[in-house]
Amino acid sequence: MKRVLIITYYWPPSGGAGVQRWLKFAKYLPENGWQPVIYTPENPEAPAEDLSLLKDIPPSCEVIKRRIFEPYSFYRIFTGRGSGEKVNAGFLDEGRSPGLKDKMAVWVRGNLFIPDARRFWIKPSIRFLQQYLKQHPVDVIVSTGPPHSMHLIARALKKRTGIPWVADFRDPWTGIDFYHQLMLSKYADKRHHKLEKEVLVAADRVVTVGWEGARELSEIGGRHVDVITNGYDQDDVADDEEFIDPVREDRDFVIRHVGAMNKDRNHDVFWRALREVNLDSGAKRKVRVELIGKSDAAVRKSIEKYDMLDYVEFISYIPHNKIGSLLKHADMLYLPINNTPNAKGILTGKIFEYLASGTPVLGVGPIDGDAARVLLESNAGQMFDFDDFEGVVAWMLDVNLSHFVGQKAQRNNNTDFQRKKLLKGYVDIFNELL
């Protein structure tokens, strides 16, 4: 069996979106003739812990964990956060609006920790892995980012060992939605762009999750970039026999959103439409919204603005093995795309599990972006522009009035986005590099 070294910051028992892509690919690698060798931190700053994900690690997978130093303990002390409080990615702040100390911490993060706060793990990892590979050779190296420090580890290993290297971008680097919020100096901005281009040029292959992102990375690196989207695992969308739907007995119309809801995904048009539909005498049922995951303080303010707190429930975290049933038993799923310069290229991982559920998907974002393309081609729902209030209200009412009843089961039989099938693209790349 051939061996692939996968350098990833996120790995079980860490939960959240960042772990899913390579956990699921690793799950199916052995049956394709490849043994996954995972290199990951022993003590990462994980957004959540999810022990249910451990079952997806294949028995033949080798997992190497090494301690990492990260400056988050100093960050918590400086900003007045508790020792156990998680540090959220993407400028999501659950409990308060950022103050002066938070802004100062952002400046330090953007200008001194380049490419990210995991930079202190780069040199120790290079030294360790260089020795490890002498005794335990691999055929291919994969680095997946963010954090993009993982790419810098792989770049050095490629240079020193000559082992073929694939750089996997789950999100952009300088094109990520919050890049403009980092308060970068000219030097820091130049440094980020320089490192990004060096990675794009040095890797044997570059892969990303969406078509717009591939176009942008291709322009930066002056080379072809492959697209292997995220997807869903069929095992995750199977009905959970122990699942009990928390929907109230009165059977309100339930819209569910899974994942972090930061300020850029908090669209006024959605909350305004929720109020309009709940005031509409023609609505068949009252509409409730469940936000499953962390939500920025700005989200609650928007809900209060439209007096909708009684119709919204905040649920901090649910193990990933329970998500499939929650998606299937919802009446509608909500897919907000960040209202940022890179919005067209945002293709969140959850969209594919949304598709697999068969539940109608209401999206708010660019109608000509990657997410809109997937919804359209899969006939899974509809994307509305950020200010299309009338369109969102009409579609909510349409689905509320059971326009989709009887169509749900046959609408999403497209298997193109199954993780198991998508992995074939990676296996082909690996074999081409040998």
Protein backbone atom coordinates (compact mmCIF):
# COMPACT_ATOMS: atom_id res chain seq x y z
CA MET A 1 0.00 0.00 0.00
CA LYS A 2 1.32 3.45 -0.93
CA ARG A 3 1.58 6.07 1.82
CA VAL A 4 0.50 9.71 1.89
CA LEU A 5 1.56 12.13 4.64
CA ILE A 6 -1.26 14.58 5.40
CA ILE A 7 -0.23 17.68 7.36
CA THR A 8 -3.36 19.11 8.97
CA TYR A 9 -4.03 21.28 11.99
CA TYR A 10 -7.55 19.89 12.45
CA TRP A 11 -8.09 16.25 13.42
CA PRO A 12 -10.39 14.41 15.84
CA PRO A 13 -11.27 14.79 18.59
CA SER A 14 -11.34 18.38 17.28
CA GLY A 15 -14.76 19.19 15.88
CA GLY A 16 -15.96 21.89 13.52
CA ALA A 17 -15.81 22.39 9.77
CA GLY A 18 -12.02 22.33 9.34
CA VAL A 19 -11.65 18.67 10.25
CA GLN A 20 -14.22 17.20 7.87
CA ARG A 21 -12.47 17.30 4.48
CA TRP A 22 -9.37 15.26 5.27
CA LEU A 23 -10.95 13.07 7.93
CA LYS A 24 -13.47 11.87 5.34
CA PHE A 25 -10.88 11.51 2.57
CA ALA A 26 -8.61 9.57 4.95
CA LYS A 27 -11.54 7.30 5.80
CA TYR A 28 -11.71 6.04 2.20
CA LEU A 29 -8.03 6.20 1.21
CA PRO A 30 -7.14 2.62 2.29
CA GLU A 31 -9.71 1.05 -0.01
CA ASN A 32 -8.07 3.01 -2.83
CA GLY A 33 -4.62 1.63 -2.10
CA TRP A 34 -3.27 4.50 0.03
CA GLN A 35 -2.42 4.49 3.72
CA PRO A 36 -3.01 7.90 5.36
CA VAL A 37 -0.30 9.16 7.71
CA ILE A 38 -1.63 12.13 9.66
CA TYR A 39 0.64 14.76 11.20
CA THR A 40 -1.31 17.03 13.54
CA PRO A 41 -0.89 18.99 16.81
CA GLU A 42 -1.36 17.21 20.11
CA ASN A 43 -2.86 20.28 21.79
CA PRO A 44 -4.59 22.41 19.12
CA GLU A 45 -6.87 25.40 19.72
CA ALA A 46 -9.95 23.55 18.49
CA PRO A 47 -13.34 25.29 18.11
CA ALA A 48 -15.06 22.28 19.72
CA GLU A 49 -14.50 18.67 20.72
CA ASP A 50 -16.45 15.96 18.90
CA LEU A 51 -15.67 12.40 19.97
CA SER A 52 -18.18 11.01 17.46
CA LEU A 53 -15.67 11.75 14.68
CA LEU A 54 -13.15 9.22 16.01
CA LYS A 55 -15.11 6.39 14.41
CA ASP A 56 -14.23 7.70 10.95
CA ILE A 57 -10.48 7.17 11.39
CA PRO A 58 -9.61 3.97 9.49
CA PRO A 59 -7.72 1.25 11.42
CA SER A 60 -4.72 1.45 9.07
CA CYS A 61 -4.34 5.21 9.57
CA GLU A 62 -1.16 6.29 11.33
CA VAL A 63 -1.59 9.43 13.44
CA ILE A 64 1.46 11.38 14.61
CA LYS A 65 0.81 14.09 17.18
CA ARG A 66 3.35 16.65 18.37
CA ARG A 67 2.86 19.48 20.84
CA ILE A 68 2.40 22.96 19.44
CA PHE A 69 3.05 26.35 21.03
CA GLU A 70 0.39 28.94 20.30
CA PRO A 71 0.05 32.44 21.78
CA TYR A 72 -3.63 32.12 22.64
CA SER A 73 -3.08 31.99 26.40
CA PHE A 74 -1.48 35.44 26.19
CA TYR A 75 -4.33 36.59 23.95
CA ARG A 76 -6.91 35.54 26.53
CA ILE A 77 -5.09 37.32 29.35
CA PHE A 78 -4.65 40.47 27.28
CA THR A 79 -8.28 40.65 26.14
CA GLY A 80 -9.77 39.57 29.47
CA ARG A 81 -11.15 36.23 28.34
CA GLY A 82 -11.47 33.19 30.57
CA SER A 83 -8.83 30.45 30.47
CA GLY A 84 -11.33 27.96 29.04
CA GLU A 85 -12.90 30.29 26.49
CA LYS A 86 -12.44 29.19 22.91
CA VAL A 87 -10.81 31.51 20.40
CA ASN A 88 -13.09 31.72 17.38
CA ALA A 89 -11.91 32.01 13.81
CA GLY A 90 -13.24 34.54 11.30
CA PHE A 91 -13.71 37.42 13.75
CA LEU A 92 -16.72 35.80 15.36
CA ASP A 93 -17.41 37.19 18.83
CA GLU A 94 -20.27 35.58 20.71
CA GLY A 95 -20.52 37.71 23.80
CA ARG A 96 -19.48 41.26 23.04
CA SER A 97 -18.43 43.79 20.48
CA PRO A 98 -14.65 44.03 20.08
CA GLY A 99 -12.92 46.70 22.19
CA LEU A 100 -9.57 48.43 21.89
CA LYS A 101 -7.63 45.47 23.29
CA ASP A 102 -9.31 43.12 20.82
CA LYS A 103 -8.36 45.40 17.95
CA MET A 104 -4.79 45.58 19.19
CA ALA A 105 -4.69 41.78 19.38
CA VAL A 106 -5.92 41.57 15.77
CA TRP A 107 -3.13 43.91 14.68
CA VAL A 108 -0.55 41.73 16.43
CA ARG A 109 -2.03 38.58 14.88
CA GLY A 110 -1.97 40.01 11.37
CA ASN A 111 1.39 41.74 11.47
CA LEU A 112 3.58 39.64 13.75
CA PHE A 113 2.21 36.10 13.35
CA ILE A 114 2.74 35.50 9.62
CA PRO A 115 1.14 33.53 8.10
CA ASP A 116 -0.80 32.71 11.29
CA ALA A 117 -0.50 31.95 14.98
CA ARG A 118 0.77 28.42 14.23
CA ARG A 119 4.02 29.75 12.78
CA PHE A 120 5.98 28.53 15.84
CA TRP A 121 5.19 24.94 14.83
CA ILE A 122 6.85 25.23 11.42
CA LYS A 123 10.54 24.74 12.24
CA PRO A 124 10.08 22.01 14.89
CA SER A 125 7.79 20.12 12.51
CA ILE A 126 10.25 20.34 9.63
CA ARG A 127 13.05 18.95 11.81
CA PHE A 128 10.90 16.14 13.19
CA LEU A 129 9.32 15.10 9.88
CA GLN A 130 12.60 15.18 7.99
CA GLN A 131 13.98 12.58 10.41
CA TYR A 132 10.71 10.63 10.48
CA LEU A 133 10.62 10.32 6.67
CA LYS A 134 14.09 8.80 6.58
CA GLN A 135 12.80 5.85 8.62
CA HIS A 136 9.20 5.85 7.39
CA PRO A 137 9.10 6.92 3.72
CA VAL A 138 5.95 8.22 2.09
CA ASP A 139 5.06 8.56 -1.58
CA VAL A 140 3.20 11.90 -1.49
CA ILE A 141 2.79 14.81 0.94
CA VAL A 142 -0.45 16.79 1.31
CA SER A 143 -0.74 20.03 3.27
CA THR A 144 -4.17 21.47 3.94
CA GLY A 145 -4.84 25.04 5.03
CA PRO A 146 -5.80 27.24 6.63
CA PRO A 147 -3.85 27.52 8.80
CA HIS A 148 -1.35 28.11 6.00
CA SER A 149 1.62 27.32 8.24
CA MET A 150 0.87 23.73 7.23
CA HIS A 151 1.85 24.61 3.65
CA LEU A 152 5.15 26.10 4.80
CA ILE A 153 6.02 22.85 6.59
CA ALA A 154 5.29 20.88 3.43
CA ARG A 155 7.19 23.30 1.21
CA ALA A 156 10.37 22.79 3.24
CA LEU A 157 9.94 19.00 3.21
CA LYS A 158 9.46 19.03 -0.55
CA LYS A 159 12.67 21.04 -0.97
CA ARG A 160 14.71 18.78 1.33
CA THR A 161 13.34 15.37 0.32
CA GLY A 162 12.00 15.77 -3.20
CA ILE A 163 8.76 13.98 -2.24
CA PRO A 164 5.84 15.14 -4.45
CA TRP A 165 3.66 17.70 -2.66
CA VAL A 166 0.02 18.70 -3.07
CA ALA A 167 -1.13 21.98 -1.50
CA ASP A 168 -4.83 21.80 -0.59
CA PHE A 169 -6.62 25.13 0.00
CA ARG A 170 -9.86 24.66 1.92
CA ASP A 171 -10.10 28.46 2.05
CA PRO A 172 -8.14 31.20 0.29
CA TRP A 173 -5.07 32.87 1.81
CA THR A 174 -4.96 36.57 0.96
CA GLY A 175 -8.40 36.22 -0.61
CA ILE A 176 -10.14 35.01 2.53
CA ASP A 177 -13.17 37.02 3.62
CA PHE A 178 -11.59 38.53 6.77
CA TYR A 179 -8.17 39.38 5.27
CA HIS A 180 -9.10 43.07 5.05
CA GLN A 181 -9.87 43.08 8.80
CA LEU A 182 -6.32 42.12 9.83
CA MET A 183 -5.10 45.76 9.80
CA LEU A 184 -1.96 44.75 7.92
CA SER A 185 1.01 47.02 7.41
CA LYS A 186 2.41 47.28 3.90
CA TYR A 187 5.25 44.99 4.93
CA ALA A 188 2.91 42.35 6.39
CA ASP A 189 0.61 42.44 3.38
CA LYS A 190 3.59 42.04 1.06
CA ARG A 191 4.88 39.16 3.18
CA HIS A 192 1.55 37.31 3.09
CA HIS A 193 1.35 37.66 -0.69
CA LYS A 194 4.96 36.57 -1.13
CA LEU A 195 4.51 33.40 0.94
CA GLU A 196 1.23 32.61 -0.79
CA LYS A 197 2.81 32.82 -4.24
CA GLU A 198 5.83 30.77 -3.15
CA VAL A 199 3.51 27.97 -2.02
CA LEU A 200 1.48 28.11 -5.23
CA VAL A 201 4.61 27.97 -7.37
CA ALA A 202 6.53 25.34 -5.39
CA ALA A 203 3.78 22.72 -4.96
CA ASP A 204 3.62 19.92 -7.52
CA ARG A 205 -0.16 20.27 -7.60
CA VAL A 206 -2.55 22.81 -6.11
CA VAL A 207 -6.14 21.91 -5.24
CA THR A 208 -8.99 23.99 -3.89
CA VAL A 209 -12.68 23.51 -3.15
CA GLY A 210 -14.41 25.80 -5.67
CA TRP A 211 -14.19 27.19 -9.20
CA GLU A 212 -13.92 30.89 -8.35
CA GLY A 213 -11.23 30.15 -5.78
CA ALA A 214 -9.33 28.11 -8.36
CA ARG A 215 -9.47 31.01 -10.81
CA GLU A 216 -8.09 33.45 -8.23
CA LEU A 217 -5.31 31.13 -7.07
CA SER A 218 -4.42 30.40 -10.68
CA GLU A 219 -3.99 34.12 -11.36
CA ILE A 220 -1.73 34.51 -8.31
CA GLY A 221 0.42 31.46 -9.00
CA GLY A 222 0.34 31.55 -12.80
CA ARG A 223 -0.57 27.89 -13.01
CA HIS A 224 -3.45 25.43 -13.24
CA VAL A 225 -5.38 24.77 -10.01
CA ASP A 226 -7.52 21.64 -9.65
CA VAL A 227 -11.00 21.74 -8.12
CA ILE A 228 -12.09 18.97 -5.78
CA THR A 229 -15.10 20.26 -3.89
CA ASN A 230 -16.13 19.33 -0.40
CA GLY A 231 -18.96 16.85 -0.16
CA TYR A 232 -20.98 14.65 2.12
CA ASP A 233 -20.39 11.23 3.62
CA GLN A 234 -23.30 8.88 3.04
CA ASP A 235 -22.82 7.45 6.53
CA ASP A 236 -23.49 10.89 8.02
CA VAL A 237 -26.82 11.40 6.29
CA ALA A 238 -28.27 8.02 7.23
CA ASP A 239 -31.11 8.21 9.74
CA ASP A 240 -30.01 8.01 13.36
CA GLU A 241 -32.20 5.39 15.05
CA GLU A 242 -31.84 7.19 18.38
CA PHE A 243 -32.70 10.60 16.92
CA ILE A 244 -35.53 12.50 18.53
CA ASP A 245 -36.46 15.66 16.65
CA PRO A 246 -36.56 18.57 19.12
CA VAL A 247 -39.30 20.28 17.06
CA ARG A 248 -42.20 21.30 19.26
CA GLU A 249 -45.44 19.36 19.11
CA ASP A 250 -47.26 22.25 17.46
CA ARG A 251 -45.16 21.57 14.34
CA ASP A 252 -43.99 25.03 13.57
CA PHE A 253 -42.20 25.52 10.25
CA VAL A 254 -38.56 25.00 11.21
CA ILE A 255 -35.60 26.57 9.42
CA ARG A 256 -32.20 25.28 10.54
CA HIS A 257 -28.76 26.74 10.06
CA VAL A 258 -25.68 24.66 10.93
CA GLY A 259 -22.27 26.23 11.49
CA ALA A 260 -20.78 29.48 12.73
CA MET A 261 -22.75 32.65 12.04
CA ASN A 262 -20.37 35.61 12.02
CA LYS A 263 -21.16 39.24 11.23
CA ASP A 264 -20.52 38.85 7.51
CA ARG A 265 -23.12 36.04 7.31
CA ASN A 266 -25.68 37.94 9.36
CA HIS A 267 -27.99 39.25 6.64
CA ASP A 268 -30.66 41.75 7.60
CA VAL A 269 -32.86 40.60 4.71
CA PHE A 270 -33.35 37.18 6.33
CA TRP A 271 -34.49 38.45 9.73
CA ARG A 272 -36.69 41.06 8.11
CA ALA A 273 -38.26 38.34 5.94
CA LEU A 274 -38.77 36.10 8.99
CA ARG A 275 -40.78 38.86 10.62
CA GLU A 276 -42.79 39.49 7.47
CA VAL A 277 -43.72 35.81 7.05
CA ASN A 278 -44.70 35.39 10.69
CA LEU A 279 -46.99 38.42 10.38
CA ASP A 280 -48.52 37.14 7.13
CA SER A 281 -51.97 35.68 7.68
CA GLY A 282 -51.48 33.47 4.61
CA ALA A 283 -48.57 31.56 6.16
CA LYS A 284 -49.58 28.00 6.92
CA ARG A 285 -47.38 27.72 10.02
CA LYS A 286 -45.33 30.03 12.19
CA VAL A 287 -41.66 30.00 11.26
CA ARG A 288 -38.99 29.20 13.82
CA VAL A 289 -35.24 29.35 13.26
CA GLU A 290 -32.64 27.16 14.96
CA LEU A 291 -29.04 28.40 14.81
CA ILE A 292 -26.83 25.38 15.51
CA GLY A 293 -23.29 26.57 16.16
CA LYS A 294 -21.63 29.72 17.41
CA SER A 295 -23.28 33.05 16.60
CA ASP A 296 -21.76 36.51 16.74
CA ALA A 297 -23.24 39.07 19.11
CA ALA A 298 -24.40 41.02 16.04
CA VAL A 299 -26.80 38.19 15.16
CA ARG A 300 -28.76 38.56 18.38
CA LYS A 301 -28.92 42.33 17.86
CA SER A 302 -30.44 41.84 14.40
CA ILE A 303 -33.00 39.40 15.76
CA GLU A 304 -33.93 41.83 18.52
CA LYS A 305 -34.21 44.62 15.96
CA TYR A 306 -37.09 42.76 14.28
CA ASP A 307 -38.54 41.48 17.58
CA MET A 308 -37.97 37.84 16.59
CA LEU A 309 -36.21 36.46 19.69
CA ASP A 310 -39.24 34.30 20.53
CA TYR A 311 -38.87 32.58 17.16
CA VAL A 312 -35.12 31.88 17.27
CA GLU A 313 -33.25 29.26 19.28
CA PHE A 314 -29.47 29.31 19.78
CA ILE A 315 -27.87 25.84 20.03
CA SER A 316 -24.13 26.00 20.71
CA TYR A 317 -22.97 22.65 19.31
CA ILE A 318 -24.33 19.27 18.27
CA PRO A 319 -22.07 16.26 17.53
CA HIS A 320 -21.56 15.75 13.82
CA ASN A 321 -23.18 12.31 13.83
CA LYS A 322 -26.49 13.95 14.83
CA ILE A 323 -26.45 16.66 12.15
CA GLY A 324 -27.73 14.52 9.27
CA SER A 325 -31.01 13.74 11.02
CA LEU A 326 -31.48 17.37 12.05
CA LEU A 327 -31.07 18.47 8.44
CA LYS A 328 -33.47 15.84 7.13
CA HIS A 329 -36.19 16.71 9.61
CA ALA A 330 -36.09 20.47 9.06
CA ASP A 331 -38.63 22.17 6.78
CA MET A 332 -35.98 24.44 5.27
CA LEU A 333 -32.23 24.99 5.58
CA TYR A 334 -30.60 28.40 5.60
CA LEU A 335 -27.34 29.04 3.72
CA PRO A 336 -25.96 32.58 4.26
CA ILE A 337 -22.85 33.47 2.25
CA ASN A 338 -20.41 36.04 3.66
CA ASN A 339 -21.07 39.51 2.27
CA THR A 340 -17.38 40.10 1.52
CA PRO A 341 -15.27 40.77 -1.59
CA ASN A 342 -14.65 37.03 -2.12
CA ALA A 343 -18.32 36.07 -1.77
CA LYS A 344 -18.60 34.51 -5.23
CA GLY A 345 -15.93 31.97 -4.37
CA ILE A 346 -17.31 30.89 -0.99
CA LEU A 347 -18.45 27.28 -1.11
CA THR A 348 -19.00 26.17 2.47
CA GLY A 349 -18.65 22.53 3.41
CA LYS A 350 -22.12 22.38 4.92
CA ILE A 351 -23.84 23.03 1.60
CA PHE A 352 -23.15 19.45 0.52
CA GLU A 353 -24.66 17.94 3.63
CA TYR A 354 -27.60 20.25 3.05
CA LEU A 355 -27.94 18.77 -0.44
CA ALA A 356 -27.79 15.21 0.85
CA SER A 357 -30.65 15.86 3.28
CA GLY A 358 -33.16 16.57 0.50
CA THR A 359 -34.50 19.55 2.47
CA PRO A 360 -35.11 22.80 0.50
CA VAL A 361 -32.19 25.24 0.86
CA LEU A 362 -32.67 29.00 1.06
CA GLY A 363 -29.44 30.80 0.26
CA VAL A 364 -28.58 34.48 0.61
CA GLY A 365 -25.50 35.52 -1.34
CA PRO A 366 -24.23 36.19 -4.88
CA ILE A 367 -26.61 34.68 -7.42
CA ASP A 368 -23.67 34.12 -9.79
CA GLY A 369 -21.31 32.55 -7.21
CA ASP A 370 -20.11 28.99 -6.66
CA ALA A 371 -22.71 28.22 -3.98
CA ALA A 372 -25.54 29.41 -6.25
CA ARG A 373 -24.14 27.21 -9.02
CA VAL A 374 -24.25 24.11 -6.81
CA LEU A 375 -27.81 24.84 -5.63
CA LEU A 376 -28.96 25.36 -9.21
CA GLU A 377 -27.27 22.31 -10.69
CA SER A 378 -28.51 20.10 -7.85
CA ASN A 379 -32.05 21.53 -7.91
CA ALA A 380 -31.72 21.79 -4.14
CA GLY A 381 -33.01 25.29 -3.52
CA GLN A 382 -32.44 28.89 -4.51
CA MET A 383 -29.94 31.66 -3.88
CA PHE A 384 -31.22 35.21 -3.36
CA ASP A 385 -29.15 38.38 -3.52
CA PHE A 386 -28.26 40.17 -0.28
CA ASP A 387 -31.07 42.74 -0.69
CA ASP A 388 -33.77 40.62 -2.38
CA PHE A 389 -36.33 40.97 0.39
CA GLU A 390 -39.36 40.22 -1.79
CA GLY A 391 -37.72 37.09 -3.22
CA VAL A 392 -36.82 35.68 0.20
CA VAL A 393 -40.32 36.32 1.58
CA ALA A 394 -42.03 34.77 -1.45
CA TRP A 395 -39.86 31.64 -1.31
CA MET A 396 -40.35 31.21 2.45
CA LEU A 397 -44.10 31.40 1.95
CA ASP A 398 -43.96 29.09 -1.06
CA VAL A 399 -42.16 26.35 0.86
CA ASN A 400 -44.29 27.02 3.95
CA LEU A 401 -47.38 26.33 1.86
CA SER A 402 -45.91 22.88 1.08
CA HIS A 403 -45.01 23.59 -2.52
CA PHE A 404 -42.18 21.06 -2.12
CA VAL A 405 -44.24 18.31 -0.46
CA GLY A 406 -43.77 15.05 -2.35
CA GLN A 407 -40.71 16.33 -4.19
CA LYS A 408 -38.19 16.15 -1.36
CA ALA A 409 -37.21 12.49 -1.73
CA GLN A 410 -36.37 12.57 -5.43
CA ARG A 411 -34.84 16.03 -5.78
CA ASN A 412 -31.34 15.30 -4.54
CA ASN A 413 -30.30 11.91 -5.86
CA ASN A 414 -27.10 13.38 -7.31
CA THR A 415 -24.17 11.38 -5.91
CA ASP A 416 -21.45 13.52 -7.51
CA PHE A 417 -20.73 15.18 -4.18
CA GLN A 418 -20.22 12.04 -2.11
CA ARG A 419 -16.83 12.16 -0.37
CA LYS A 420 -16.09 8.61 -1.49
CA LYS A 421 -16.56 9.58 -5.14
CA LEU A 422 -14.73 12.92 -4.84
CA LEU A 423 -11.69 11.14 -3.40
CA LYS A 424 -11.12 9.53 -6.80
CA GLY A 425 -9.91 12.92 -8.01
CA TYR A 426 -7.23 12.97 -5.33
CA VAL A 427 -6.23 9.35 -5.92
CA ASP A 428 -5.74 10.16 -9.62
CA ILE A 429 -3.49 13.12 -8.67
CA PHE A 430 -1.44 10.97 -6.29
CA ASN A 431 -0.93 8.29 -8.90
CA GLU A 432 0.05 10.86 -11.54
CA LEU A 433 2.73 12.23 -9.22
CA LEU A 434 4.46 8.87 -8.71
